[in-house]
Amino acid sequence: MKHIFKEGLPNHPTLLLLHGTGGSENDLLPIAEMIDPDANVLSVRGNINENGLSRFFKRLREGVFDEEDLVKQTDSLNDFLDQASQDYQFDREQVVAIGYSNGANIAGSLLFHYEKPLKGAILHHPMVPRRGLTLPDQNQLPVFIGAGTNDPLCPVDETKELDELLSNANAKVKVEWVDQGHQLSRQEVQSAKQWYEENLLN
């Protein structure tokens, strides 16, 4: 997977950055700098090309995921993390995902398919990746969900359902509502930073 790695201080997590549709591995670097400038950064570009736009998995149409490809790409991302942790010598158990939109969806998919694949996750405007699954136990895994009260792509009920599914899998979920649509605001990032410092810095 095309990516950027920046080494940080040894006592900080590795931030896994996952961009939105049409983005690149450069998009969320300023967000990582805001949330933890001392962390390792592993920023990944999605493997899927949709009409010239990079994504992390295929979709059938807007809001409808290609579930077969979602599972395939989720497995590939998990394998990539295993390999990258060896290549760059970071602790695989100290990875915190920061995803926006499509990137948040594949980060969420990791939590739907693997038991504690991350140390924590910051999901900005995610959807429910799959339905009808029994989720693995995410015992006290911290998850931040940033959601817009007027988000046309992620309605309020979608966010509430994702919260419920992850909470029922024993994740420790915090939902931060902002009065906006699907865009990522500074207010939301600042809330994520405060949550990160309280929950993921030892």
N, C-alpha and C. Protein backbone atom coordinates (compact mmCIF):
# COMPACT_ATOMS: atom_id res chain seq x y z
N MET A 1 0.84 -1.19 0.00
CA MET A 1 0.00 0.00 0.00
C MET A 1 0.88 1.25 0.00
N LYS A 2 0.53 2.21 -0.83
CA LYS A 2 1.29 3.46 -0.87
C LYS A 2 1.08 4.20 0.45
N HIS A 3 2.17 4.65 1.06
CA HIS A 3 2.05 5.23 2.39
C HIS A 3 3.23 6.13 2.72
N ILE A 4 3.07 6.84 3.82
CA ILE A 4 4.12 7.67 4.40
C ILE A 4 4.33 7.19 5.84
N PHE A 5 5.57 7.08 6.27
CA PHE A 5 5.85 6.80 7.69
C PHE A 5 6.76 7.88 8.24
N LYS A 6 6.35 8.42 9.40
CA LYS A 6 7.18 9.40 10.11
C LYS A 6 7.41 8.89 11.52
N GLU A 7 8.64 8.80 11.90
CA GLU A 7 8.98 8.28 13.23
C GLU A 7 8.77 9.35 14.30
N GLY A 8 8.17 8.96 15.41
CA GLY A 8 7.96 9.85 16.53
C GLY A 8 8.73 9.41 17.75
N LEU A 9 8.25 9.78 18.92
CA LEU A 9 8.91 9.39 20.16
C LEU A 9 8.48 7.97 20.55
N PRO A 10 9.38 7.23 21.19
CA PRO A 10 9.10 5.81 21.44
C PRO A 10 7.95 5.53 22.40
N ASN A 11 7.60 6.49 23.25
CA ASN A 11 6.54 6.23 24.24
C ASN A 11 5.16 6.69 23.76
N HIS A 12 5.05 6.98 22.47
CA HIS A 12 3.77 7.43 21.91
C HIS A 12 3.23 6.40 20.92
N PRO A 13 1.91 6.38 20.71
CA PRO A 13 1.33 5.45 19.75
C PRO A 13 1.76 5.76 18.31
N THR A 14 1.39 4.85 17.42
CA THR A 14 1.50 5.09 15.98
C THR A 14 0.12 5.46 15.46
N LEU A 15 0.00 6.62 14.83
CA LEU A 15 -1.27 7.07 14.29
C LEU A 15 -1.41 6.56 12.86
N LEU A 16 -2.42 5.75 12.64
CA LEU A 16 -2.74 5.23 11.32
C LEU A 16 -3.75 6.18 10.68
N LEU A 17 -3.35 6.87 9.62
CA LEU A 17 -4.20 7.88 8.98
C LEU A 17 -4.86 7.30 7.74
N LEU A 18 -6.18 7.45 7.67
CA LEU A 18 -6.98 6.87 6.60
C LEU A 18 -7.90 7.95 6.03
N HIS A 19 -7.62 8.39 4.82
CA HIS A 19 -8.28 9.54 4.21
C HIS A 19 -9.70 9.22 3.73
N GLY A 20 -10.41 10.25 3.33
CA GLY A 20 -11.74 10.09 2.74
C GLY A 20 -11.66 9.87 1.24
N THR A 21 -12.79 9.61 0.61
CA THR A 21 -12.85 9.37 -0.83
C THR A 21 -12.21 10.52 -1.61
N GLY A 22 -11.30 10.15 -2.52
CA GLY A 22 -10.63 11.16 -3.34
C GLY A 22 -9.43 11.79 -2.68
N GLY A 23 -9.10 11.34 -1.49
CA GLY A 23 -7.97 11.91 -0.76
C GLY A 23 -6.67 11.19 -1.06
N SER A 24 -5.67 11.49 -0.27
CA SER A 24 -4.36 10.85 -0.41
C SER A 24 -3.72 10.71 0.97
N GLU A 25 -2.54 10.12 0.97
CA GLU A 25 -1.82 9.91 2.22
C GLU A 25 -1.35 11.22 2.85
N ASN A 26 -1.50 12.33 2.15
CA ASN A 26 -1.09 13.63 2.71
C ASN A 26 -2.22 14.35 3.45
N ASP A 27 -3.46 13.94 3.20
CA ASP A 27 -4.62 14.73 3.66
C ASP A 27 -4.68 14.93 5.17
N LEU A 28 -4.45 13.85 5.92
CA LEU A 28 -4.68 13.92 7.37
C LEU A 28 -3.41 14.18 8.18
N LEU A 29 -2.31 14.48 7.49
CA LEU A 29 -1.07 14.78 8.22
C LEU A 29 -1.24 15.97 9.17
N PRO A 30 -1.94 17.05 8.76
CA PRO A 30 -2.14 18.16 9.71
C PRO A 30 -3.00 17.75 10.92
N ILE A 31 -3.92 16.81 10.72
CA ILE A 31 -4.75 16.33 11.84
C ILE A 31 -3.88 15.58 12.84
N ALA A 32 -2.99 14.72 12.33
CA ALA A 32 -2.08 13.98 13.21
C ALA A 32 -1.20 14.95 14.00
N GLU A 33 -0.75 16.01 13.33
CA GLU A 33 0.10 17.00 14.00
C GLU A 33 -0.66 17.70 15.11
N MET A 34 -1.95 17.94 14.91
CA MET A 34 -2.77 18.57 15.94
C MET A 34 -3.01 17.62 17.12
N ILE A 35 -3.27 16.37 16.81
CA ILE A 35 -3.68 15.43 17.87
C ILE A 35 -2.50 14.94 18.69
N ASP A 36 -1.39 14.60 18.04
CA ASP A 36 -0.20 14.16 18.78
C ASP A 36 1.04 14.35 17.92
N PRO A 37 1.71 15.50 18.03
CA PRO A 37 2.88 15.77 17.20
C PRO A 37 4.07 14.87 17.52
N ASP A 38 4.00 14.13 18.64
CA ASP A 38 5.11 13.27 19.03
C ASP A 38 4.90 11.80 18.64
N ALA A 39 3.77 11.49 18.03
CA ALA A 39 3.47 10.11 17.66
C ALA A 39 4.18 9.71 16.37
N ASN A 40 4.39 8.39 16.20
CA ASN A 40 4.68 7.88 14.87
C ASN A 40 3.47 8.15 13.98
N VAL A 41 3.68 8.30 12.70
CA VAL A 41 2.58 8.47 11.75
C VAL A 41 2.74 7.47 10.61
N LEU A 42 1.70 6.71 10.37
CA LEU A 42 1.63 5.81 9.22
C LEU A 42 0.39 6.20 8.44
N SER A 43 0.60 6.91 7.34
CA SER A 43 -0.52 7.44 6.56
C SER A 43 -0.61 6.68 5.24
N VAL A 44 -1.79 6.12 4.97
CA VAL A 44 -1.96 5.16 3.89
C VAL A 44 -2.90 5.71 2.82
N ARG A 45 -2.58 5.40 1.56
CA ARG A 45 -3.49 5.73 0.46
C ARG A 45 -4.32 4.49 0.11
N GLY A 46 -5.61 4.69 -0.10
CA GLY A 46 -6.48 3.58 -0.46
C GLY A 46 -6.08 2.94 -1.78
N ASN A 47 -6.25 1.61 -1.87
CA ASN A 47 -5.86 0.85 -3.05
C ASN A 47 -6.84 0.93 -4.21
N ILE A 48 -8.07 1.36 -3.93
CA ILE A 48 -9.13 1.32 -4.94
C ILE A 48 -9.19 2.65 -5.69
N ASN A 49 -9.28 2.55 -7.02
CA ASN A 49 -9.43 3.73 -7.86
C ASN A 49 -10.85 3.76 -8.40
N GLU A 50 -11.63 4.74 -7.97
CA GLU A 50 -13.00 4.89 -8.43
C GLU A 50 -13.09 6.16 -9.27
N ASN A 51 -13.05 6.00 -10.58
CA ASN A 51 -13.11 7.16 -11.49
C ASN A 51 -12.05 8.21 -11.14
N GLY A 52 -10.86 7.72 -10.85
CA GLY A 52 -9.75 8.62 -10.53
C GLY A 52 -9.66 9.03 -9.07
N LEU A 53 -10.60 8.56 -8.25
CA LEU A 53 -10.61 8.90 -6.82
C LEU A 53 -10.13 7.71 -6.00
N SER A 54 -9.20 7.95 -5.08
CA SER A 54 -8.70 6.87 -4.22
C SER A 54 -9.70 6.56 -3.11
N ARG A 55 -9.94 5.27 -2.91
CA ARG A 55 -10.80 4.78 -1.83
C ARG A 55 -10.16 3.54 -1.21
N PHE A 56 -10.69 3.15 -0.05
CA PHE A 56 -10.15 1.97 0.62
C PHE A 56 -10.89 0.69 0.27
N PHE A 57 -12.09 0.79 -0.31
CA PHE A 57 -12.82 -0.39 -0.79
C PHE A 57 -13.86 0.06 -1.81
N LYS A 58 -14.33 -0.87 -2.58
CA LYS A 58 -15.31 -0.56 -3.62
C LYS A 58 -16.69 -0.33 -3.03
N ARG A 59 -17.51 0.36 -3.78
CA ARG A 59 -18.91 0.51 -3.40
C ARG A 59 -19.78 0.27 -4.65
N LEU A 60 -21.00 -0.14 -4.41
CA LEU A 60 -21.93 -0.39 -5.50
C LEU A 60 -22.54 0.92 -6.00
N ARG A 61 -22.81 1.81 -5.06
CA ARG A 61 -23.25 3.18 -5.35
C ARG A 61 -23.03 3.96 -4.05
N GLU A 62 -23.31 5.25 -4.06
CA GLU A 62 -23.05 6.06 -2.86
C GLU A 62 -23.86 5.52 -1.68
N GLY A 63 -23.16 5.22 -0.59
CA GLY A 63 -23.80 4.73 0.61
C GLY A 63 -24.05 3.24 0.64
N VAL A 64 -23.71 2.54 -0.46
CA VAL A 64 -23.91 1.08 -0.52
C VAL A 64 -22.56 0.42 -0.80
N PHE A 65 -22.05 -0.29 0.21
CA PHE A 65 -20.71 -0.87 0.11
C PHE A 65 -20.72 -2.20 -0.62
N ASP A 66 -19.63 -2.48 -1.33
CA ASP A 66 -19.37 -3.81 -1.88
C ASP A 66 -18.78 -4.64 -0.73
N GLU A 67 -19.62 -5.41 -0.07
CA GLU A 67 -19.20 -6.07 1.18
C GLU A 67 -18.07 -7.07 0.95
N GLU A 68 -18.11 -7.77 -0.19
CA GLU A 68 -17.04 -8.73 -0.48
C GLU A 68 -15.70 -8.03 -0.57
N ASP A 69 -15.67 -6.90 -1.26
CA ASP A 69 -14.42 -6.15 -1.38
C ASP A 69 -14.04 -5.50 -0.05
N LEU A 70 -15.03 -5.05 0.71
CA LEU A 70 -14.75 -4.47 2.02
C LEU A 70 -14.01 -5.47 2.91
N VAL A 71 -14.48 -6.71 2.93
CA VAL A 71 -13.82 -7.74 3.74
C VAL A 71 -12.39 -7.98 3.23
N LYS A 72 -12.25 -8.08 1.91
CA LYS A 72 -10.93 -8.30 1.31
C LYS A 72 -9.97 -7.19 1.66
N GLN A 73 -10.41 -5.94 1.51
CA GLN A 73 -9.52 -4.80 1.77
C GLN A 73 -9.25 -4.61 3.26
N THR A 74 -10.20 -4.99 4.11
CA THR A 74 -9.98 -4.95 5.56
C THR A 74 -8.89 -5.93 5.94
N ASP A 75 -8.95 -7.13 5.38
CA ASP A 75 -7.90 -8.13 5.63
C ASP A 75 -6.54 -7.62 5.15
N SER A 76 -6.54 -6.99 3.97
CA SER A 76 -5.28 -6.48 3.42
C SER A 76 -4.68 -5.39 4.30
N LEU A 77 -5.55 -4.50 4.83
CA LEU A 77 -5.07 -3.44 5.71
C LEU A 77 -4.50 -4.03 6.99
N ASN A 78 -5.17 -5.01 7.55
CA ASN A 78 -4.67 -5.64 8.77
C ASN A 78 -3.32 -6.31 8.53
N ASP A 79 -3.18 -7.00 7.40
CA ASP A 79 -1.90 -7.62 7.05
C ASP A 79 -0.82 -6.55 6.85
N PHE A 80 -1.19 -5.45 6.21
CA PHE A 80 -0.24 -4.36 6.00
C PHE A 80 0.27 -3.80 7.32
N LEU A 81 -0.63 -3.65 8.30
CA LEU A 81 -0.21 -3.16 9.61
C LEU A 81 0.78 -4.11 10.28
N ASP A 82 0.50 -5.40 10.16
CA ASP A 82 1.42 -6.40 10.72
C ASP A 82 2.81 -6.26 10.10
N GLN A 83 2.84 -6.12 8.77
CA GLN A 83 4.13 -6.03 8.07
C GLN A 83 4.82 -4.71 8.35
N ALA A 84 4.05 -3.62 8.34
CA ALA A 84 4.65 -2.29 8.57
C ALA A 84 5.26 -2.18 9.96
N SER A 85 4.62 -2.83 10.94
CA SER A 85 5.16 -2.77 12.30
C SER A 85 6.54 -3.43 12.38
N GLN A 86 6.75 -4.45 11.53
CA GLN A 86 8.08 -5.07 11.47
C GLN A 86 9.05 -4.20 10.68
N ASP A 87 8.58 -3.68 9.54
CA ASP A 87 9.47 -2.87 8.69
C ASP A 87 9.94 -1.61 9.40
N TYR A 88 9.05 -0.96 10.15
CA TYR A 88 9.38 0.32 10.77
C TYR A 88 9.62 0.22 12.28
N GLN A 89 9.53 -0.99 12.79
CA GLN A 89 9.87 -1.25 14.20
C GLN A 89 9.02 -0.45 15.18
N PHE A 90 7.69 -0.43 14.94
CA PHE A 90 6.79 0.14 15.94
C PHE A 90 5.95 -0.97 16.55
N ASP A 91 5.40 -0.68 17.73
CA ASP A 91 4.62 -1.67 18.47
C ASP A 91 3.25 -1.83 17.80
N ARG A 92 2.99 -3.05 17.29
CA ARG A 92 1.72 -3.31 16.60
C ARG A 92 0.52 -3.10 17.51
N GLU A 93 0.70 -3.24 18.82
CA GLU A 93 -0.40 -3.10 19.76
C GLU A 93 -0.63 -1.66 20.20
N GLN A 94 0.13 -0.73 19.61
CA GLN A 94 0.00 0.69 19.97
C GLN A 94 -0.44 1.53 18.77
N VAL A 95 -1.25 0.94 17.89
CA VAL A 95 -1.72 1.65 16.71
C VAL A 95 -3.10 2.27 16.97
N VAL A 96 -3.21 3.56 16.73
CA VAL A 96 -4.48 4.28 16.86
C VAL A 96 -4.89 4.77 15.48
N ALA A 97 -6.04 4.33 15.00
CA ALA A 97 -6.53 4.76 13.69
C ALA A 97 -7.20 6.12 13.79
N ILE A 98 -6.93 6.97 12.81
CA ILE A 98 -7.67 8.22 12.62
C ILE A 98 -8.20 8.19 11.19
N GLY A 99 -9.50 8.04 11.05
CA GLY A 99 -10.09 7.93 9.73
C GLY A 99 -11.18 8.95 9.52
N TYR A 100 -11.30 9.40 8.27
CA TYR A 100 -12.37 10.32 7.90
C TYR A 100 -13.20 9.70 6.78
N SER A 101 -14.51 9.65 6.96
CA SER A 101 -15.44 9.19 5.93
C SER A 101 -15.07 7.78 5.47
N ASN A 102 -14.66 7.61 4.21
CA ASN A 102 -14.30 6.27 3.73
C ASN A 102 -13.19 5.64 4.57
N GLY A 103 -12.24 6.45 5.00
CA GLY A 103 -11.17 5.94 5.86
C GLY A 103 -11.67 5.51 7.23
N ALA A 104 -12.66 6.26 7.76
CA ALA A 104 -13.27 5.88 9.03
C ALA A 104 -14.04 4.57 8.88
N ASN A 105 -14.62 4.36 7.69
CA ASN A 105 -15.38 3.13 7.47
C ASN A 105 -14.49 1.89 7.47
N ILE A 106 -13.31 1.99 6.86
CA ILE A 106 -12.45 0.80 6.87
C ILE A 106 -11.81 0.61 8.24
N ALA A 107 -11.57 1.70 8.97
CA ALA A 107 -11.09 1.55 10.35
C ALA A 107 -12.16 0.86 11.20
N GLY A 108 -13.42 1.29 11.01
CA GLY A 108 -14.52 0.64 11.70
C GLY A 108 -14.63 -0.83 11.32
N SER A 109 -14.37 -1.13 10.05
CA SER A 109 -14.43 -2.52 9.58
C SER A 109 -13.38 -3.39 10.28
N LEU A 110 -12.21 -2.83 10.56
CA LEU A 110 -11.22 -3.58 11.36
C LEU A 110 -11.82 -4.02 12.68
N LEU A 111 -12.59 -3.13 13.32
CA LEU A 111 -13.19 -3.44 14.61
C LEU A 111 -14.34 -4.44 14.47
N PHE A 112 -14.94 -4.51 13.31
CA PHE A 112 -16.04 -5.44 13.07
C PHE A 112 -15.52 -6.85 12.76
N HIS A 113 -14.23 -6.98 12.38
CA HIS A 113 -13.72 -8.27 11.92
C HIS A 113 -12.58 -8.85 12.75
N TYR A 114 -11.95 -8.04 13.58
CA TYR A 114 -10.81 -8.51 14.37
C TYR A 114 -10.98 -8.11 15.83
N GLU A 115 -10.49 -8.95 16.71
CA GLU A 115 -10.54 -8.64 18.14
C GLU A 115 -9.38 -7.72 18.50
N LYS A 116 -9.71 -6.53 18.94
CA LYS A 116 -8.74 -5.52 19.37
C LYS A 116 -7.58 -5.36 18.38
N PRO A 117 -7.89 -5.01 17.11
CA PRO A 117 -6.83 -4.83 16.12
C PRO A 117 -6.09 -3.52 16.28
N LEU A 118 -6.62 -2.63 17.11
CA LEU A 118 -6.07 -1.30 17.33
C LEU A 118 -6.03 -1.01 18.83
N LYS A 119 -5.21 -0.04 19.20
CA LYS A 119 -5.25 0.43 20.58
C LYS A 119 -6.45 1.33 20.80
N GLY A 120 -6.88 2.02 19.74
CA GLY A 120 -8.02 2.92 19.80
C GLY A 120 -8.33 3.42 18.40
N ALA A 121 -9.44 4.12 18.27
CA ALA A 121 -9.83 4.61 16.95
C ALA A 121 -10.56 5.94 17.06
N ILE A 122 -10.20 6.87 16.20
CA ILE A 122 -10.90 8.14 16.04
C ILE A 122 -11.58 8.08 14.67
N LEU A 123 -12.90 8.01 14.68
CA LEU A 123 -13.67 7.83 13.46
C LEU A 123 -14.47 9.10 13.19
N HIS A 124 -14.07 9.83 12.16
CA HIS A 124 -14.77 11.07 11.79
C HIS A 124 -15.79 10.75 10.70
N HIS A 125 -17.07 10.87 11.04
CA HIS A 125 -18.18 10.68 10.10
C HIS A 125 -18.19 9.29 9.46
N PRO A 126 -18.19 8.25 10.30
CA PRO A 126 -18.24 6.88 9.79
C PRO A 126 -19.68 6.42 9.58
N MET A 127 -19.82 5.36 8.77
CA MET A 127 -21.08 4.64 8.64
C MET A 127 -20.92 3.26 9.28
N VAL A 128 -22.01 2.52 9.38
CA VAL A 128 -21.94 1.13 9.83
C VAL A 128 -21.34 0.33 8.68
N PRO A 129 -20.17 -0.31 8.87
CA PRO A 129 -19.52 -0.98 7.73
C PRO A 129 -20.29 -2.21 7.23
N ARG A 130 -20.80 -3.01 8.15
CA ARG A 130 -21.57 -4.20 7.77
C ARG A 130 -22.64 -4.45 8.83
N ARG A 131 -23.69 -5.14 8.41
CA ARG A 131 -24.76 -5.50 9.34
C ARG A 131 -24.92 -7.01 9.37
N GLY A 132 -25.52 -7.51 10.46
CA GLY A 132 -25.77 -8.94 10.57
C GLY A 132 -24.58 -9.74 11.05
N LEU A 133 -23.57 -9.07 11.60
CA LEU A 133 -22.38 -9.75 12.12
C LEU A 133 -22.44 -9.84 13.64
N THR A 134 -21.78 -10.85 14.17
CA THR A 134 -21.47 -10.86 15.60
C THR A 134 -20.07 -10.29 15.74
N LEU A 135 -19.97 -9.13 16.36
CA LEU A 135 -18.67 -8.46 16.44
C LEU A 135 -17.75 -9.15 17.44
N PRO A 136 -16.44 -9.15 17.16
CA PRO A 136 -15.49 -9.66 18.15
C PRO A 136 -15.47 -8.77 19.39
N ASP A 137 -15.03 -9.34 20.49
CA ASP A 137 -14.98 -8.59 21.75
C ASP A 137 -13.91 -7.49 21.65
N GLN A 138 -14.32 -6.26 21.84
CA GLN A 138 -13.39 -5.13 21.83
C GLN A 138 -13.22 -4.57 23.25
N ASN A 139 -12.99 -5.44 24.16
CA ASN A 139 -12.95 -5.16 25.59
C ASN A 139 -12.28 -3.83 25.94
N GLN A 140 -13.12 -2.82 26.23
CA GLN A 140 -12.69 -1.49 26.69
C GLN A 140 -11.83 -0.74 25.66
N LEU A 141 -11.89 -1.14 24.39
CA LEU A 141 -11.14 -0.42 23.37
C LEU A 141 -11.76 0.96 23.15
N PRO A 142 -10.99 2.04 23.29
CA PRO A 142 -11.55 3.39 23.19
C PRO A 142 -11.85 3.77 21.73
N VAL A 143 -13.06 4.25 21.49
CA VAL A 143 -13.47 4.68 20.15
C VAL A 143 -14.13 6.05 20.26
N PHE A 144 -13.63 6.99 19.47
CA PHE A 144 -14.22 8.32 19.35
C PHE A 144 -14.93 8.40 18.01
N ILE A 145 -16.21 8.80 18.03
CA ILE A 145 -16.96 9.00 16.80
C ILE A 145 -17.34 10.47 16.70
N GLY A 146 -16.85 11.11 15.65
CA GLY A 146 -17.25 12.49 15.37
C GLY A 146 -18.39 12.49 14.36
N ALA A 147 -19.49 13.14 14.69
CA ALA A 147 -20.68 13.06 13.84
C ALA A 147 -21.32 14.43 13.69
N GLY A 148 -21.87 14.69 12.51
CA GLY A 148 -22.58 15.93 12.25
C GLY A 148 -24.08 15.74 12.38
N THR A 149 -24.73 16.67 13.05
CA THR A 149 -26.19 16.56 13.23
C THR A 149 -26.93 16.73 11.92
N ASN A 150 -26.28 17.32 10.91
CA ASN A 150 -26.90 17.54 9.60
C ASN A 150 -26.13 16.84 8.49
N ASP A 151 -25.49 15.72 8.81
CA ASP A 151 -24.66 15.01 7.84
C ASP A 151 -25.55 14.24 6.86
N PRO A 152 -25.55 14.59 5.56
CA PRO A 152 -26.41 13.91 4.60
C PRO A 152 -25.96 12.49 4.28
N LEU A 153 -24.67 12.19 4.50
CA LEU A 153 -24.14 10.86 4.19
C LEU A 153 -24.22 9.92 5.38
N CYS A 154 -24.16 10.47 6.58
CA CYS A 154 -24.22 9.65 7.80
C CYS A 154 -25.34 10.21 8.69
N PRO A 155 -26.57 9.79 8.46
CA PRO A 155 -27.68 10.29 9.27
C PRO A 155 -27.49 9.97 10.76
N VAL A 156 -28.19 10.71 11.58
CA VAL A 156 -28.08 10.54 13.03
C VAL A 156 -28.33 9.09 13.44
N ASP A 157 -29.33 8.44 12.85
CA ASP A 157 -29.64 7.06 13.22
C ASP A 157 -28.50 6.11 12.88
N GLU A 158 -27.76 6.41 11.80
CA GLU A 158 -26.60 5.58 11.42
C GLU A 158 -25.53 5.65 12.50
N THR A 159 -25.27 6.86 12.96
CA THR A 159 -24.27 7.04 14.02
C THR A 159 -24.70 6.34 15.30
N LYS A 160 -25.96 6.48 15.65
CA LYS A 160 -26.46 5.83 16.88
C LYS A 160 -26.35 4.31 16.76
N GLU A 161 -26.62 3.77 15.58
CA GLU A 161 -26.52 2.32 15.39
C GLU A 161 -25.07 1.85 15.53
N LEU A 162 -24.14 2.59 14.94
CA LEU A 162 -22.73 2.23 15.06
C LEU A 162 -22.27 2.28 16.51
N ASP A 163 -22.68 3.31 17.22
CA ASP A 163 -22.38 3.44 18.65
C ASP A 163 -22.90 2.21 19.41
N GLU A 164 -24.12 1.83 19.13
CA GLU A 164 -24.74 0.69 19.84
C GLU A 164 -24.01 -0.62 19.52
N LEU A 165 -23.68 -0.83 18.25
CA LEU A 165 -23.01 -2.07 17.86
C LEU A 165 -21.63 -2.19 18.52
N LEU A 166 -20.87 -1.10 18.50
CA LEU A 166 -19.54 -1.15 19.10
C LEU A 166 -19.62 -1.24 20.63
N SER A 167 -20.57 -0.53 21.21
CA SER A 167 -20.74 -0.59 22.67
C SER A 167 -21.15 -1.99 23.11
N ASN A 168 -21.99 -2.64 22.33
CA ASN A 168 -22.41 -4.00 22.66
C ASN A 168 -21.26 -5.00 22.51
N ALA A 169 -20.24 -4.61 21.74
CA ALA A 169 -19.03 -5.44 21.62
C ALA A 169 -18.00 -5.05 22.69
N ASN A 170 -18.44 -4.24 23.66
CA ASN A 170 -17.64 -3.84 24.83
C ASN A 170 -16.59 -2.79 24.54
N ALA A 171 -16.70 -2.12 23.38
CA ALA A 171 -15.84 -0.96 23.15
C ALA A 171 -16.30 0.19 24.04
N LYS A 172 -15.39 1.10 24.33
CA LYS A 172 -15.68 2.27 25.16
C LYS A 172 -15.86 3.46 24.22
N VAL A 173 -17.12 3.73 23.85
CA VAL A 173 -17.42 4.66 22.76
C VAL A 173 -17.80 6.04 23.28
N LYS A 174 -17.23 7.05 22.63
CA LYS A 174 -17.60 8.44 22.88
C LYS A 174 -18.07 9.04 21.55
N VAL A 175 -19.31 9.54 21.52
CA VAL A 175 -19.82 10.20 20.33
C VAL A 175 -19.81 11.71 20.56
N GLU A 176 -19.18 12.42 19.66
CA GLU A 176 -19.11 13.88 19.73
C GLU A 176 -19.96 14.45 18.59
N TRP A 177 -21.08 15.09 18.94
CA TRP A 177 -21.96 15.68 17.94
C TRP A 177 -21.56 17.13 17.69
N VAL A 178 -21.48 17.49 16.41
CA VAL A 178 -21.22 18.88 16.03
C VAL A 178 -22.33 19.32 15.08
N ASP A 179 -22.68 20.58 15.16
CA ASP A 179 -23.80 21.11 14.37
C ASP A 179 -23.32 21.46 12.97
N GLN A 180 -23.14 20.42 12.15
CA GLN A 180 -22.61 20.61 10.80
C GLN A 180 -22.98 19.40 9.95
N GLY A 181 -22.46 19.39 8.70
CA GLY A 181 -22.71 18.29 7.78
C GLY A 181 -21.58 17.27 7.81
N HIS A 182 -21.11 16.88 6.62
CA HIS A 182 -20.12 15.81 6.52
C HIS A 182 -18.69 16.32 6.61
N GLN A 183 -18.50 17.63 6.59
CA GLN A 183 -17.14 18.16 6.61
C GLN A 183 -16.49 17.95 7.99
N LEU A 184 -15.18 17.97 7.99
CA LEU A 184 -14.41 17.79 9.22
C LEU A 184 -13.99 19.17 9.73
N SER A 185 -14.45 19.52 10.93
CA SER A 185 -14.20 20.85 11.46
C SER A 185 -13.08 20.85 12.50
N ARG A 186 -12.53 22.02 12.72
CA ARG A 186 -11.50 22.17 13.77
C ARG A 186 -12.07 21.83 15.15
N GLN A 187 -13.32 22.20 15.39
CA GLN A 187 -13.95 21.89 16.68
C GLN A 187 -13.95 20.38 16.92
N GLU A 188 -14.28 19.62 15.89
CA GLU A 188 -14.33 18.17 16.03
C GLU A 188 -12.93 17.59 16.29
N VAL A 189 -11.94 18.11 15.58
CA VAL A 189 -10.57 17.64 15.79
C VAL A 189 -10.07 17.99 17.19
N GLN A 190 -10.41 19.18 17.67
CA GLN A 190 -10.00 19.57 19.03
C GLN A 190 -10.65 18.64 20.07
N SER A 191 -11.90 18.27 19.85
CA SER A 191 -12.56 17.33 20.77
C SER A 191 -11.88 15.97 20.73
N ALA A 192 -11.49 15.54 19.51
CA ALA A 192 -10.78 14.27 19.37
C ALA A 192 -9.43 14.31 20.07
N LYS A 193 -8.75 15.45 19.98
CA LYS A 193 -7.45 15.60 20.65
C LYS A 193 -7.59 15.46 22.16
N GLN A 194 -8.58 16.14 22.73
CA GLN A 194 -8.79 16.06 24.17
C GLN A 194 -9.12 14.62 24.58
N TRP A 195 -9.98 13.98 23.82
CA TRP A 195 -10.34 12.58 24.10
C TRP A 195 -9.13 11.67 24.01
N TYR A 196 -8.31 11.87 22.98
CA TYR A 196 -7.10 11.08 22.77
C TYR A 196 -6.15 11.21 23.97
N GLU A 197 -5.95 12.43 24.42
CA GLU A 197 -5.04 12.65 25.54
C GLU A 197 -5.56 12.00 26.82
N GLU A 198 -6.87 11.98 26.98
CA GLU A 198 -7.47 11.39 28.19
C GLU A 198 -7.50 9.86 28.15
N ASN A 199 -7.58 9.29 26.95
CA ASN A 199 -7.82 7.85 26.83
C ASN A 199 -6.65 7.03 26.28
N LEU A 200 -5.72 7.67 25.57
CA LEU A 200 -4.73 6.88 24.85
C LEU A 200 -3.28 7.26 25.13
N LEU A 201 -3.05 8.31 25.88
CA LEU A 201 -1.68 8.61 26.30
C LEU A 201 -1.45 8.09 27.70
N ASN A 202 -0.47 7.24 27.84
CA ASN A 202 -0.21 6.63 29.14
C ASN A 202 0.46 7.62 30.10
